[in-house]
């Protein structure tokens, strides 16, 4: 089939009509994604800001005969003739796939196939066992990191006393060694490891290394030995953390992709390795397709969907749109780990309903507040009899830390890895995820290395206040520059991220007064123009609308397909 990539079409609002009004009303019920214009490389005219943008379905402009002809040629080219009939049906479904009930008007589908597709729409959590097995394994592979992911690690105090480590910079280096190696080497090994061994192989190798380094760290009898073992641990963390979210994101359907991808973060607090059974999972179908192994891609996707018609539909859409090409300290640490895990559970639901962007915008200010609370708690007096922190002081600090984890876990915890796994196009996904995770672990290393010295120089109050301020910066950045990605396929997101930051920032700048009048002054306002909506070619629209008229009556009129953001 010809390579067609979804496009963003910038448009002015249509004249007022029942059809356009309904489409706009439907679109504004969803979170905005992208404020867009056509890329300058796609047109001879300069890029201009637009009021709305539409994502074009690359198959929508073709009639059934053209779609079937393209499918037949593609099956012949890829050696998939034995599945030709099911791919024909899959392509015809993908042609009207931007509408939940579009398949109802594909005459080639039989009653059983339509029933399966209806059930998929109404029961989004009803997925094959193999898909959930895959996600559980991805989440389980995160367990190998355990408490190594926190800069304030109570268990580290035993090592500092055992090895006589008093220098705060050396303490910071030992704390941050895994993150240093992750950022400099581990994350960047993602691309070659994935190229030669696939997603499953990379996860398996990194878990083996984590297992060996865990024994090595436990047996270390001096600090240089401990340092080297933690550096090797960092290599495994880097490779794994940049692969498992991508593996889950590529294999999950768009309606629950966020929930399944964020499982990686939710299970990080458990601290033990489960990666040896990864090869019971099928390989990522997109990785197979990137390697030209289309038959294996189809069989892999069949194991991840309930029916081969769903696999054929998804693999057709993928191809068309991708354009191939330590006691208190230990107890506190354990408590934060449990809190981290428990309060990540709500995000399973909210990440795909409330949205990635909204979770960050809600939790960043709360995280800033809890960090300030923790810092200010150090102003509470010491116990005059013992000279140690009073019960009130310890209680306030602990409450602030736990409160931080409560708001961190469903927001800033899972969202960045989920977002990074979605944001990059297929041909750059391994390198892009390497860059994203290297950045994450790089800043983890900086925090781990500098935290003892920062507390010594700034006092605890200043150190916590410093990071509270960075959370406010994070909120500002997310508000102006972060588009929503929920409920879009990975290939549709390629188009969303073609939008310039200037256009996104301009749109949300314009929306600030609207928020003020709507939610503060409580004024009745018309919804603002959405950032984008799906665009369906006229021929495809007529095909669906005619079917609806025959089924529901002509009084329903023509209907546009609005974005499900």
Protein backbone atom coordinates (compact mmCIF):
# COMPACT_ATOMS: atom_id res chain seq x y z
CA UNK A 1 0.00 0.00 0.00
CA UNK A 2 1.23 3.53 -0.51
CA UNK A 3 2.77 5.14 2.54
CA UNK A 4 0.36 7.75 3.85
CA UNK A 5 0.98 9.68 7.05
CA UNK A 6 -1.81 11.44 8.93
CA UNK A 7 -1.70 15.13 8.30
CA UNK A 8 -2.75 18.20 10.21
CA UNK A 9 -4.92 20.52 8.27
CA UNK A 10 -5.25 24.04 9.65
CA UNK A 11 -8.70 25.46 9.11
CA UNK A 12 -10.79 28.47 9.99
CA UNK A 13 -14.10 27.73 11.72
CA UNK A 14 -16.90 26.72 9.42
CA UNK A 15 -19.93 28.97 9.04
CA UNK A 16 -22.55 28.50 11.73
CA UNK A 17 -24.69 25.50 10.99
CA UNK A 18 -26.27 22.60 12.81
CA UNK A 19 -23.57 20.30 11.53
CA UNK A 20 -20.56 22.45 12.46
CA UNK A 21 -22.10 23.46 15.78
CA UNK A 22 -22.57 19.83 16.76
CA UNK A 23 -19.05 18.93 15.73
CA UNK A 24 -17.61 21.84 17.69
CA UNK A 25 -19.72 20.97 20.73
CA UNK A 26 -18.56 17.38 20.64
CA UNK A 27 -14.94 18.43 20.21
CA UNK A 28 -14.93 20.84 23.13
CA UNK A 29 -16.06 18.08 25.50
CA UNK A 30 -12.56 16.63 25.27
CA UNK A 31 -9.09 17.80 26.35
CA UNK A 32 -7.25 19.84 23.75
CA UNK A 33 -4.23 18.31 22.09
CA UNK A 34 -2.52 20.52 19.62
CA UNK A 35 -2.78 24.07 18.40
CA UNK A 36 -1.56 23.74 14.90
CA UNK A 37 -0.84 24.88 11.43
CA UNK A 38 0.49 23.13 8.39
CA UNK A 39 4.26 22.59 8.55
CA UNK A 40 6.34 24.98 6.51
CA UNK A 41 8.02 22.03 4.83
CA UNK A 42 4.66 20.96 3.47
CA UNK A 43 3.73 24.26 1.93
CA UNK A 44 5.39 27.13 0.19
CA UNK A 45 3.66 29.65 2.46
CA UNK A 46 4.95 30.60 5.94
CA UNK A 47 3.44 28.72 8.87
CA UNK A 48 0.55 30.66 10.35
CA UNK A 49 -1.42 30.15 13.57
CA UNK A 50 -4.90 28.83 13.03
CA UNK A 51 -8.06 28.65 15.04
CA UNK A 52 -8.49 24.90 14.72
CA UNK A 53 -6.66 21.95 13.31
CA UNK A 54 -7.83 18.61 11.98
CA UNK A 55 -5.99 15.31 11.75
CA UNK A 56 -6.51 13.67 8.42
CA UNK A 57 -7.17 9.94 8.17
CA UNK A 58 -4.86 8.76 5.35
CA UNK A 59 -7.41 6.19 4.19
CA UNK A 60 -10.51 8.35 4.39
CA UNK A 61 -10.18 9.80 0.89
CA UNK A 62 -10.15 6.41 -0.83
CA UNK A 63 -13.15 4.46 -1.97
CA UNK A 64 -13.55 0.77 -1.17
CA UNK A 65 -12.11 -0.38 -4.48
CA UNK A 66 -8.94 1.69 -4.03
CA UNK A 67 -8.48 0.46 -0.45
CA UNK A 68 -8.91 -3.18 -1.47
CA UNK A 69 -6.53 -2.77 -4.40
CA UNK A 70 -3.88 -1.24 -2.14
CA UNK A 71 -4.36 -4.04 0.41
CA UNK A 72 -3.99 -6.73 -2.23
CA UNK A 73 -0.78 -5.16 -3.56
CA UNK A 74 0.60 -4.75 -0.04
CA UNK A 75 -0.19 -8.37 0.91
CA UNK A 76 1.54 -9.58 -2.23
CA UNK A 77 4.59 -7.41 -1.53
CA UNK A 78 4.89 -8.56 2.11
CA UNK A 79 4.02 -12.22 1.52
CA UNK A 80 0.74 -12.13 3.42
CA UNK A 81 -1.60 -13.46 0.72
CA UNK A 82 -3.05 -16.11 3.05
CA UNK A 83 -4.43 -13.31 5.24
CA UNK A 84 -5.59 -11.15 2.35
CA UNK A 85 -9.32 -11.32 3.14
CA UNK A 86 -8.94 -10.30 6.79
CA UNK A 87 -6.56 -7.49 5.84
CA UNK A 88 -9.13 -6.18 3.37
CA UNK A 89 -11.68 -5.96 6.16
CA UNK A 90 -9.10 -4.46 8.55
CA UNK A 91 -8.26 -1.71 6.08
CA UNK A 92 -11.92 -0.89 5.47
CA UNK A 93 -12.42 -0.58 9.25
CA UNK A 94 -9.31 1.61 9.55
CA UNK A 95 -10.76 3.80 6.78
CA UNK A 96 -13.63 4.80 9.07
CA UNK A 97 -11.74 4.15 12.33
CA UNK A 98 -11.97 7.70 13.64
CA UNK A 99 -15.60 6.99 14.42
CA UNK A 100 -16.42 4.42 17.13
CA UNK A 101 -19.31 2.99 15.14
CA UNK A 102 -17.76 3.35 11.72
CA UNK A 103 -17.40 -0.41 11.31
CA UNK A 104 -21.19 -0.76 11.39
CA UNK A 105 -21.29 0.46 7.80
CA UNK A 106 -18.61 -1.87 6.44
CA UNK A 107 -20.72 -4.34 4.52
CA UNK A 108 -17.93 -6.92 4.21
CA UNK A 109 -18.02 -7.66 7.97
CA UNK A 110 -20.18 -10.49 9.21
CA UNK A 111 -22.34 -10.39 12.37
CA UNK A 112 -19.69 -12.07 14.55
CA UNK A 113 -16.99 -9.61 13.55
CA UNK A 114 -19.25 -6.61 14.17
CA UNK A 115 -20.21 -8.03 17.55
CA UNK A 116 -16.52 -8.33 18.50
CA UNK A 117 -15.87 -4.73 17.50
CA UNK A 118 -18.95 -3.46 19.38
CA UNK A 119 -17.75 -5.27 22.51
CA UNK A 120 -14.31 -3.67 22.13
CA UNK A 121 -15.87 -0.19 22.18
CA UNK A 122 -18.04 -0.80 25.26
CA UNK A 123 -15.55 -2.95 27.23
CA UNK A 124 -12.17 -1.24 26.79
CA UNK A 125 -10.58 -3.22 29.68
CA UNK A 126 -11.56 -6.55 28.16
CA UNK A 127 -8.28 -7.47 26.49
CA UNK A 128 -6.48 -10.76 25.80
CA UNK A 129 -4.59 -12.41 28.66
CA UNK A 130 -1.37 -12.10 26.68
CA UNK A 131 -1.62 -8.29 26.59
CA UNK A 132 -1.98 -8.08 30.38
CA UNK A 133 0.76 -10.68 30.83
CA UNK A 134 3.04 -8.51 28.72
CA UNK A 135 2.23 -5.38 30.76
CA UNK A 136 2.71 -7.21 34.09
CA UNK A 137 6.12 -8.36 32.90
CA UNK A 138 7.03 -4.82 31.87
CA UNK A 139 5.92 -3.60 35.30
CA UNK A 140 7.76 -6.48 36.99
CA UNK A 141 10.98 -5.58 35.25
CA UNK A 142 10.83 -2.20 37.01
CA UNK A 143 10.96 -3.94 40.39
CA UNK A 144 14.71 -4.52 39.98
CA UNK A 145 15.34 -0.87 40.80
CA UNK A 146 13.64 -0.84 44.23
CA UNK A 147 14.92 1.69 46.71
CA UNK A 148 17.90 2.49 44.47
CA UNK A 149 15.72 5.16 42.87
CA UNK A 150 15.68 7.50 45.89
CA UNK A 151 18.42 9.95 46.86
CA UNK A 152 17.42 9.84 50.58
CA UNK A 153 17.88 6.12 51.07
CA UNK A 154 17.96 4.95 54.72
CA UNK A 155 19.84 1.78 53.86
CA UNK A 156 22.75 3.83 52.56
CA UNK A 157 23.56 4.89 56.15
CA UNK A 158 24.77 1.37 56.91
CA UNK A 159 27.26 1.55 54.07
CA UNK A 160 28.51 5.01 55.08
CA UNK A 161 29.20 3.82 58.66
CA UNK A 162 30.64 0.45 57.61
CA UNK A 163 33.10 1.95 55.14
CA UNK A 164 33.81 5.17 57.11
CA UNK A 165 32.50 7.44 54.38
CA UNK A 166 32.15 10.98 55.79
CA UNK A 167 32.75 13.11 52.73
CA UNK A 168 29.36 14.40 51.55
CA UNK A 169 30.41 14.40 47.89
CA UNK A 170 31.49 10.75 48.08
CA UNK A 171 28.16 9.94 49.75
CA UNK A 172 26.41 11.71 46.92
CA UNK A 173 28.47 9.86 44.32
CA UNK A 174 27.59 6.47 45.82
CA UNK A 175 23.94 7.44 45.95
CA UNK A 176 23.92 8.69 42.40
CA UNK A 177 26.25 6.20 40.71
CA UNK A 178 23.44 4.22 39.05
CA UNK A 179 21.91 7.38 37.63
CA UNK A 180 25.28 8.58 36.34
CA UNK A 181 25.88 5.39 34.39
CA UNK A 182 22.27 5.34 33.26
CA UNK A 183 22.48 8.82 31.83
CA UNK A 184 25.91 8.46 30.21
CA UNK A 185 25.82 4.88 28.96
CA UNK A 186 22.79 2.79 29.94
CA UNK A 187 20.07 4.79 28.25
CA UNK A 188 22.07 5.18 25.06
CA UNK A 189 22.59 1.42 24.83
CA UNK A 190 18.86 1.19 24.23
CA UNK A 191 19.04 1.73 20.50
CA UNK A 192 21.66 -0.92 19.59
CA UNK A 193 20.25 -3.44 22.08
CA UNK A 194 16.76 -3.01 20.69
CA UNK A 195 18.05 -3.18 17.15
CA UNK A 196 19.74 -6.55 17.60
CA UNK A 197 17.71 -8.19 20.39
CA UNK A 198 14.29 -6.55 20.26
CA UNK A 199 12.29 -5.23 23.20
CA UNK A 200 12.12 -8.61 24.98
CA UNK A 201 15.84 -9.29 24.57
CA UNK A 202 16.80 -5.89 25.95
CA UNK A 203 14.58 -6.37 29.00
CA UNK A 204 15.99 -9.87 29.56
CA UNK A 205 19.63 -8.73 29.33
CA UNK A 206 19.09 -5.75 31.65
CA UNK A 207 17.35 -7.95 34.24
CA UNK A 208 20.25 -10.44 34.18
CA UNK A 209 22.71 -7.59 34.81
CA UNK A 210 20.49 -6.24 37.62
CA UNK A 211 20.40 -9.68 39.23
CA UNK A 212 24.21 -10.00 39.14
CA UNK A 213 24.84 -6.45 40.40
CA UNK A 214 22.36 -6.98 43.26
CA UNK A 215 24.49 -9.90 44.54
CA UNK A 216 27.64 -7.86 43.88
CA UNK A 217 26.42 -4.89 45.97
CA UNK A 218 25.40 -7.19 48.84
CA UNK A 219 28.89 -8.79 48.85
CA UNK A 220 30.85 -5.51 48.50
CA UNK A 221 33.52 -5.16 51.24
CA UNK A 222 34.77 -1.64 50.45
CA UNK A 223 33.37 1.50 48.89
CA UNK A 224 35.18 1.25 45.52
CA UNK A 225 33.69 -2.20 45.04
CA UNK A 226 30.26 -0.85 45.95
CA UNK A 227 30.70 2.06 43.57
CA UNK A 228 31.58 -0.13 40.60
CA UNK A 229 28.67 -2.48 41.26
CA UNK A 230 26.26 0.46 41.40
CA UNK A 231 27.64 1.81 38.16
CA UNK A 232 26.92 -1.51 36.48
CA UNK A 233 23.45 -1.44 38.00
CA UNK A 234 22.97 1.90 36.30
CA UNK A 235 23.71 0.38 32.93
CA UNK A 236 20.85 -2.08 33.41
CA UNK A 237 18.48 0.58 34.75
CA UNK A 238 19.15 2.81 31.78
CA UNK A 239 18.57 0.16 29.15
CA UNK A 240 15.47 -1.18 30.84
CA UNK A 241 13.83 2.12 31.71
CA UNK A 242 14.09 3.32 28.13
CA UNK A 243 12.67 0.08 26.71
CA UNK A 244 9.85 -1.20 28.94
CA UNK A 245 7.55 1.85 28.62
CA UNK A 246 7.96 1.75 24.86
CA UNK A 247 7.24 -1.99 24.76
CA UNK A 248 4.01 -1.49 26.71
CA UNK A 249 2.96 1.60 24.76
CA UNK A 250 3.51 -0.06 21.39
CA UNK A 251 1.50 -3.13 22.31
CA UNK A 252 -1.51 -1.54 24.05
CA UNK A 253 -4.65 -0.21 22.36
CA UNK A 254 -4.97 3.57 22.46
CA UNK A 255 -7.95 3.71 24.87
CA UNK A 256 -5.99 2.17 27.78
CA UNK A 257 -2.40 2.79 26.63
CA UNK A 258 -1.66 5.33 29.39
CA UNK A 259 -2.91 3.06 32.15
CA UNK A 260 -0.92 0.09 30.92
CA UNK A 261 2.27 2.06 30.23
CA UNK A 262 2.29 3.72 33.69
CA UNK A 263 2.35 0.30 35.35
CA UNK A 264 6.14 0.49 34.92
CA UNK A 265 6.36 3.37 37.38
CA UNK A 266 3.79 1.92 39.78
CA UNK A 267 5.79 -1.25 40.33
CA UNK A 268 9.22 0.40 40.64
CA UNK A 269 8.83 0.55 44.48
CA UNK A 270 8.90 -3.21 44.94
CA UNK A 271 12.60 -3.78 44.35
CA UNK A 272 13.02 -7.34 43.02
CA UNK A 273 13.48 -8.79 39.61
CA UNK A 274 10.99 -10.77 37.52
CA UNK A 275 12.44 -10.52 34.07
CA UNK A 276 13.28 -14.15 33.33
CA UNK A 277 9.89 -15.02 31.92
CA UNK A 278 9.78 -12.19 29.40
CA UNK A 279 10.17 -14.52 26.45
CA UNK A 280 6.70 -15.92 27.03
CA UNK A 281 5.47 -12.60 25.64
CA UNK A 282 5.18 -11.84 21.95
CA UNK A 283 7.57 -9.30 20.47
CA UNK A 284 6.36 -5.76 19.77
CA UNK A 285 4.46 -5.87 16.45
CA UNK A 286 5.80 -2.44 15.49
CA UNK A 287 9.39 -3.65 16.00
CA UNK A 288 8.70 -6.59 13.72
CA UNK A 289 7.27 -4.24 11.09
CA UNK A 290 10.29 -1.96 11.35
CA UNK A 291 12.40 -5.02 10.51
CA UNK A 292 10.16 -5.96 7.60
CA UNK A 293 8.87 -9.09 9.37
CA UNK A 294 5.23 -8.44 8.60
CA UNK A 295 4.03 -12.00 8.99
CA UNK A 296 5.55 -12.21 12.50
CA UNK A 297 4.08 -8.78 13.27
CA UNK A 298 0.62 -10.00 12.33
CA UNK A 299 0.92 -13.22 14.37
CA UNK A 300 2.27 -11.21 17.34
CA UNK A 301 -0.64 -8.77 17.16
CA UNK A 302 -3.11 -11.65 16.87
CA UNK A 303 -1.89 -12.82 20.29
CA UNK A 304 -2.43 -9.30 21.66
CA UNK A 305 -5.97 -8.90 20.30
CA UNK A 306 -9.06 -11.06 20.70
CA UNK A 307 -9.73 -11.60 17.03
CA UNK A 308 -7.64 -11.52 13.89
CA UNK A 309 -9.94 -8.89 12.39
CA UNK A 310 -8.83 -6.49 15.16
CA UNK A 311 -5.19 -7.38 14.51
CA UNK A 312 -5.62 -6.79 10.79
CA UNK A 313 -7.29 -3.43 11.38
CA UNK A 314 -4.54 -2.23 13.76
CA UNK A 315 -1.64 -3.46 11.66
CA UNK A 316 -3.14 -1.74 8.62
CA UNK A 317 -3.49 1.54 10.52
CA UNK A 318 0.05 1.24 11.89
CA UNK A 319 1.52 0.75 8.44
CA UNK A 320 -0.52 3.45 6.76
CA UNK A 321 0.05 6.12 9.39
CA UNK A 322 3.66 5.38 10.41
CA UNK A 323 5.03 6.21 6.98
CA UNK A 324 7.80 3.63 7.26
CA UNK A 325 10.13 4.21 6.73
CA UNK A 326 18.11 2.50 56.30
CA UNK A 327 15.55 1.64 61.54
CA UNK A 328 13.48 4.93 61.21
CA UNK A 329 15.07 5.76 57.96
CA UNK A 330 14.42 2.29 56.65
CA UNK A 331 10.83 2.36 57.86
CA UNK A 332 10.34 5.76 56.30
CA UNK A 333 11.79 4.56 53.04
CA UNK A 334 9.53 1.52 53.08
CA UNK A 335 6.54 3.69 53.91
CA UNK A 336 7.20 6.04 51.04
CA UNK A 337 7.61 3.06 48.74
CA UNK A 338 4.26 1.61 49.79
CA UNK A 339 2.62 5.02 49.48
CA UNK A 340 4.18 5.49 46.09
CA UNK A 341 2.74 2.21 44.86
CA UNK A 342 -0.72 2.54 46.44
CA UNK A 343 -1.37 6.03 45.16
CA UNK A 344 -0.18 5.19 41.70
CA UNK A 345 -3.16 2.85 41.37
CA UNK A 346 -5.72 5.64 40.75
CA UNK A 347 -3.65 6.76 37.79
CA UNK A 348 -4.54 3.51 36.05
CA UNK A 349 -7.95 5.09 35.49
CA UNK A 350 -7.20 8.82 35.44
CA UNK A 351 -4.27 8.77 33.01
CA UNK A 352 -6.58 7.82 30.16
CA UNK A 353 -9.64 9.80 31.31
CA UNK A 354 -8.41 12.90 33.17
CA UNK A 355 -5.39 12.97 30.88
CA UNK A 356 -1.61 13.24 31.10
CA UNK A 357 -1.52 17.03 30.90
CA UNK A 358 -4.24 17.56 33.52
CA UNK A 359 -2.54 15.17 35.96
CA UNK A 360 0.68 17.17 35.75
CA UNK A 361 -1.06 20.53 36.04
CA UNK A 362 -2.93 19.31 39.13
CA UNK A 363 -0.04 17.62 40.95
CA UNK A 364 2.86 20.05 40.33
CA UNK A 365 1.46 22.82 42.64
CA UNK A 366 0.61 20.21 45.30
CA UNK A 367 4.12 18.79 45.12
CA UNK A 368 5.55 22.29 45.55
CA UNK A 369 3.36 22.85 48.62
CA UNK A 370 4.39 19.54 50.26
CA UNK A 371 8.09 20.29 49.69
CA UNK A 372 7.68 23.72 51.31
CA UNK A 373 5.79 22.05 54.17
CA UNK A 374 8.65 19.58 54.65
CA UNK A 375 11.26 22.36 54.61
CA UNK A 376 9.35 24.58 57.04
CA UNK A 377 8.97 21.60 59.41
CA UNK A 378 12.68 21.90 60.21
CA UNK A 379 11.90 25.21 61.98
CA UNK A 380 10.00 23.26 64.67
CA UNK A 381 12.11 23.12 67.89
CA UNK A 382 14.27 20.21 69.02
CA UNK A 383 13.47 18.23 72.14
CA UNK A 384 15.14 20.28 74.96
CA UNK A 385 15.91 17.16 77.03
CA UNK A 386 17.54 15.00 74.38
CA UNK A 387 18.62 17.56 71.80
CA UNK A 388 17.04 15.39 69.14
CA UNK A 389 14.15 16.31 66.87
CA UNK A 390 10.85 16.49 68.73
CA UNK A 391 7.95 14.19 67.99
CA UNK A 392 6.09 17.12 66.44
CA UNK A 393 8.98 17.88 64.12
CA UNK A 394 9.44 14.28 63.03
CA UNK A 395 5.71 13.86 62.57
CA UNK A 396 5.41 16.96 60.43
CA UNK A 397 8.34 15.97 58.23
CA UNK A 398 7.01 12.43 57.79
CA UNK A 399 3.53 13.71 56.99
CA UNK A 400 4.94 16.09 54.40
CA UNK A 401 7.02 13.35 52.76
CA UNK A 402 4.07 10.96 52.62
CA UNK A 403 1.84 13.72 51.28
CA UNK A 404 4.39 14.40 48.59
CA UNK A 405 4.31 10.75 47.56
CA UNK A 406 0.50 10.81 47.53
CA UNK A 407 0.46 13.53 44.88
CA UNK A 408 3.65 12.47 43.09
CA UNK A 409 2.55 8.90 42.49
CA UNK A 410 -0.44 9.49 40.21
CA UNK A 411 1.10 12.45 38.40
CA UNK A 412 4.77 13.23 37.96
CA UNK A 413 5.65 9.61 38.76
CA UNK A 414 4.07 7.71 35.88
CA UNK A 415 3.28 10.44 33.37
CA UNK A 416 6.79 11.35 32.10
CA UNK A 417 7.69 7.78 31.14
CA UNK A 418 4.29 7.26 29.57
CA UNK A 419 4.54 10.53 27.69
CA UNK A 420 8.07 9.85 26.49
CA UNK A 421 7.10 6.41 25.23
CA UNK A 422 4.37 8.01 23.12
CA UNK A 423 5.97 11.17 21.83
CA UNK A 424 8.52 9.98 19.29
CA UNK A 425 7.84 8.61 15.80
CA UNK A 426 8.68 4.96 15.18
CA UNK A 427 11.97 5.54 13.36
CA UNK A 428 13.26 7.72 16.25
CA UNK A 429 11.48 6.05 19.19
CA UNK A 430 14.50 4.12 20.53
CA UNK A 431 16.85 7.12 20.33
CA UNK A 432 14.17 9.51 21.57
CA UNK A 433 13.36 7.35 24.57
CA UNK A 434 17.11 7.02 25.23
CA UNK A 435 17.40 10.81 25.32
CA UNK A 436 14.33 11.18 27.57
CA UNK A 437 15.44 8.57 30.09
CA UNK A 438 19.07 9.76 29.99
CA UNK A 439 17.80 13.23 30.88
CA UNK A 440 15.73 11.77 33.74
CA UNK A 441 18.59 9.71 35.18
CA UNK A 442 21.05 12.56 34.59
CA UNK A 443 19.03 14.88 36.80
CA UNK A 444 18.57 12.05 39.32
CA UNK A 445 22.36 11.81 39.49
CA UNK A 446 22.71 15.59 39.91
CA UNK A 447 20.16 15.53 42.75
CA UNK A 448 21.82 12.53 44.44
CA UNK A 449 25.31 13.98 44.10
CA UNK A 450 24.47 17.51 45.23
CA UNK A 451 21.80 16.84 47.89
CA UNK A 452 24.19 16.32 50.90
CA UNK A 453 26.16 19.45 49.94
CA UNK A 454 22.96 21.39 49.17
CA UNK A 455 21.52 20.63 52.64
CA UNK A 456 24.86 21.63 54.20
CA UNK A 457 24.99 24.92 52.30
CA UNK A 458 21.30 25.90 52.06
CA UNK A 459 20.03 24.18 55.27
CA UNK A 460 17.14 21.73 54.86
CA UNK A 461 14.68 24.61 54.62
CA UNK A 462 16.48 26.15 51.69
CA UNK A 463 17.10 22.84 49.94
CA UNK A 464 13.45 21.83 50.00
CA UNK A 465 12.41 25.36 49.03
CA UNK A 466 14.74 25.19 46.02
CA UNK A 467 13.04 22.13 44.66
CA UNK A 468 9.60 23.49 45.51
CA UNK A 469 10.37 26.38 43.18
CA UNK A 470 11.34 23.97 40.40
CA UNK A 471 7.92 22.36 40.67
CA UNK A 472 6.32 25.72 39.93
CA UNK A 473 8.57 26.02 36.90
CA UNK A 474 7.43 22.56 35.83
CA UNK A 475 3.79 23.66 36.05
CA UNK A 476 4.43 26.70 33.88
CA UNK A 477 6.26 24.62 31.29
CA UNK A 478 3.53 21.99 31.17
CA UNK A 479 0.75 24.54 30.87
CA UNK A 480 2.19 26.39 27.93
CA UNK A 481 4.07 23.71 25.99
CA UNK A 482 2.64 20.25 26.69
CA UNK A 483 -0.16 18.96 24.46
CA UNK A 484 -2.48 16.18 25.62
CA UNK A 485 -1.87 12.70 24.19
CA UNK A 486 -4.63 10.51 25.63
CA UNK A 487 -6.76 8.37 23.34
CA UNK A 488 -4.66 8.93 20.23
CA UNK A 489 -2.74 6.24 18.41
CA UNK A 490 1.05 6.44 18.38
CA UNK A 491 0.94 7.24 14.70
CA UNK A 492 -1.61 10.05 15.13
CA UNK A 493 0.68 11.53 17.78
CA UNK A 494 3.40 11.85 15.14
CA UNK A 495 1.23 14.53 13.60
CA UNK A 496 0.32 16.24 16.88
CA UNK A 497 4.01 16.70 17.72
CA UNK A 498 4.64 18.30 14.36
CA UNK A 499 2.93 21.38 15.81
CA UNK A 500 5.22 24.26 16.78
CA UNK A 501 5.69 25.22 20.43
CA UNK A 502 4.87 28.81 19.56
CA UNK A 503 1.40 27.88 18.39
CA UNK A 504 0.71 25.74 21.48
CA UNK A 505 1.95 28.49 23.84
CA UNK A 506 -0.08 31.11 21.97
CA UNK A 507 -3.28 29.09 22.25
CA UNK A 508 -2.94 28.48 26.01
CA UNK A 509 -1.95 32.12 26.57
CA UNK A 510 -5.21 33.11 24.92
CA UNK A 511 -7.07 30.62 27.08
CA UNK A 512 -5.86 32.05 30.43
CA UNK A 513 -8.46 34.88 30.43
CA UNK A 514 -11.12 32.34 29.45
CA UNK A 515 -10.24 30.18 32.48
CA UNK A 516 -10.35 33.27 34.72
CA UNK A 517 -13.80 34.33 33.56
CA UNK A 518 -15.19 30.80 33.44
CA UNK A 519 -13.94 29.28 36.71
CA UNK A 520 -13.10 32.31 38.93
CA UNK A 521 -15.67 34.92 37.92
CA UNK A 522 -18.18 32.14 37.12
CA UNK A 523 -19.37 33.68 33.88
CA UNK A 524 -21.34 31.80 31.26
CA UNK A 525 -19.01 31.55 28.27
CA UNK A 526 -19.03 29.71 24.99
CA UNK A 527 -16.40 26.95 24.78
CA UNK A 528 -13.18 27.98 23.09
CA UNK A 529 -12.33 26.48 19.74
CA UNK A 530 -10.67 23.08 20.36
CA UNK A 531 -7.06 22.63 19.44
CA UNK A 532 -7.76 19.94 16.91
CA UNK A 533 -10.36 17.55 15.68
CA UNK A 534 -10.29 14.60 13.35
CA UNK A 535 -10.74 15.40 9.71
CA UNK A 536 -12.62 12.94 7.55
CA UNK A 537 -12.67 13.28 3.81
CA UNK A 538 -16.00 14.14 2.28
CA UNK A 539 -16.40 10.89 0.40
CA UNK A 540 -15.91 8.87 3.56
CA UNK A 541 -18.23 11.21 5.47
CA UNK A 542 -20.96 10.76 2.90
CA UNK A 543 -20.55 6.99 3.06
CA UNK A 544 -21.06 6.91 6.84
CA UNK A 545 -23.77 9.56 6.93
CA UNK A 546 -25.81 7.79 4.29
CA UNK A 547 -25.64 4.61 6.36
CA UNK A 548 -26.75 6.48 9.44
CA UNK A 549 -29.62 8.12 7.61
CA UNK A 550 -30.82 4.71 6.48
CA UNK A 551 -30.52 3.35 10.01
CA UNK A 552 -31.71 6.32 12.11
CA UNK A 553 -33.70 8.44 9.69
CA UNK A 554 -32.82 11.47 7.69
CA UNK A 555 -33.67 13.83 10.56
CA UNK A 556 -30.29 13.03 12.13
CA UNK A 557 -28.55 14.95 9.31
CA UNK A 558 -24.91 14.80 8.49
CA UNK A 559 -22.43 14.32 11.32
CA UNK A 560 -18.74 15.23 11.59
CA UNK A 561 -16.26 13.02 13.45
CA UNK A 562 -14.98 15.06 16.42
CA UNK A 563 -11.71 14.44 18.29
CA UNK A 564 -11.86 12.05 21.22
CA UNK A 565 -9.07 13.78 23.14
